[in-house]
Amino acid sequence: MVPMRAWKLEQAQDNLCELVAKAASEGPQSITLDGAEAAVVLSAREYELMSKRPKTVVEALLDPKIRLLSDEEHDRVFARLPDVPERLFEFEE
C-alpha cells in the first residue's frame, strides 16, 4: 500500500480540488490538524468498496440488527437462578 500524503488543514482548504483529484488518482489523502491525523479523504470508489466489505465474525456478532436469540430466548438463557449469589467469587483485598 502506498503511504498517504499528509496535508495540513490549511493546505487542504486552499487546494481542495487537487486534494480530491489526488485521492481519486493516488489513493487516500490524510488531513492533519495540529500535527495529528484528523481525517482521510478517499475516492468514492474506494469508499464504496470499503463500506461493502463483508463483516468480520466479531462485527457480525456485535451488530444489533442481527438477532441470534429472541427476547424470550435471551431472557431464558441469561436469567439469574434464584439460588445463585450475586458474586460467585470473593476477592481478598
Protein backbone atom coordinates (compact mmCIF):
# COMPACT_ATOMS: atom_id res chain seq x y z
CA MET A 1 0.00 0.00 0.00
CA VAL A 2 1.28 3.43 -0.92
CA PRO A 3 1.69 5.72 2.10
CA MET A 4 -0.88 8.51 2.30
CA ARG A 5 0.21 12.04 1.63
CA ALA A 6 -0.37 14.25 4.66
CA TRP A 7 -1.98 17.64 4.10
CA LYS A 8 -2.17 20.30 6.77
CA LEU A 9 -5.74 21.52 7.19
CA GLU A 10 -4.90 24.91 5.70
CA GLN A 11 -3.29 23.23 2.66
CA ALA A 12 -6.34 21.02 2.21
CA GLN A 13 -8.68 24.02 2.34
CA ASP A 14 -6.61 26.02 -0.15
CA ASN A 15 -6.12 23.07 -2.54
CA LEU A 16 -9.37 21.14 -2.24
CA CYS A 17 -9.61 20.39 -5.99
CA GLU A 18 -6.08 18.99 -6.04
CA LEU A 19 -6.71 17.01 -2.85
CA VAL A 20 -9.83 15.36 -4.31
CA ALA A 21 -8.05 14.66 -7.62
CA LYS A 22 -5.11 13.04 -5.81
CA ALA A 23 -7.48 10.94 -3.70
CA ALA A 24 -9.01 9.66 -6.94
CA SER A 25 -5.70 9.04 -8.74
CA GLU A 26 -3.21 8.20 -5.96
CA GLY A 27 -5.34 6.86 -3.13
CA PRO A 28 -6.38 8.13 0.31
CA GLN A 29 -5.08 11.53 1.44
CA SER A 30 -4.57 12.35 5.12
CA ILE A 31 -5.52 15.71 6.63
CA THR A 32 -3.76 16.76 9.82
CA LEU A 33 -4.82 19.22 12.48
CA ASP A 34 -2.19 20.44 14.92
CA GLY A 35 0.15 17.70 13.69
CA ALA A 36 -2.25 14.81 14.36
CA GLU A 37 -4.20 12.92 11.72
CA ALA A 38 -7.75 14.31 11.79
CA ALA A 39 -9.39 12.99 8.62
CA VAL A 40 -8.83 10.96 5.47
CA VAL A 41 -10.14 11.83 2.02
CA LEU A 42 -10.67 8.91 -0.32
CA SER A 43 -12.31 8.40 -3.68
CA ALA A 44 -15.98 7.49 -3.88
CA ARG A 45 -14.97 4.13 -5.41
CA GLU A 46 -12.64 3.30 -2.51
CA TYR A 47 -15.32 4.29 -0.02
CA GLU A 48 -17.87 2.10 -1.78
CA LEU A 49 -15.51 -0.89 -1.76
CA MET A 50 -14.59 -0.33 1.87
CA SER A 51 -18.17 0.06 3.07
CA LYS A 52 -19.38 -3.06 1.26
CA ARG A 53 -16.71 -5.45 2.54
CA PRO A 54 -18.01 -8.48 4.38
CA LYS A 55 -18.28 -8.12 8.13
CA THR A 56 -15.88 -9.95 10.37
CA VAL A 57 -17.33 -12.51 12.76
CA VAL A 58 -16.89 -10.08 15.66
CA GLU A 59 -18.60 -7.25 13.77
CA ALA A 60 -21.49 -9.54 12.87
CA LEU A 61 -21.93 -10.74 16.45
CA LEU A 62 -21.89 -7.16 17.77
CA ASP A 63 -24.32 -5.86 15.13
CA PRO A 64 -27.61 -5.06 16.90
CA LYS A 65 -29.51 -5.70 13.65
CA ILE A 66 -28.52 -9.36 13.75
CA ARG A 67 -30.58 -11.26 16.28
CA LEU A 68 -29.41 -14.73 17.26
CA LEU A 69 -31.91 -15.12 20.10
CA SER A 70 -35.46 -13.87 20.50
CA ASP A 71 -36.16 -11.74 23.59
CA GLU A 72 -37.75 -14.76 25.25
CA GLU A 73 -34.76 -17.00 24.45
CA HIS A 74 -32.34 -14.33 25.68
CA ASP A 75 -34.21 -13.98 28.98
CA ARG A 76 -34.26 -17.75 29.45
CA VAL A 77 -30.54 -18.20 28.68
CA PHE A 78 -29.27 -15.26 30.75
CA ALA A 79 -31.74 -15.39 33.65
CA ARG A 80 -30.20 -15.49 37.11
CA LEU A 81 -31.04 -18.54 39.11
CA PRO A 82 -32.61 -17.57 42.45
CA ASP A 83 -30.18 -19.68 44.49
CA VAL A 84 -27.02 -18.28 42.83
CA PRO A 85 -25.49 -15.38 44.77
CA GLU A 86 -24.62 -12.15 43.01
CA ARG A 87 -20.92 -12.93 43.20
CA LEU A 88 -19.63 -16.39 42.58
CA PHE A 89 -16.13 -15.42 43.74
CA GLU A 90 -14.98 -13.19 46.55
CA PHE A 91 -11.72 -11.34 46.08
CA GLU A 92 -9.47 -10.54 49.00
CA GLU A 93 -8.18 -7.01 49.18
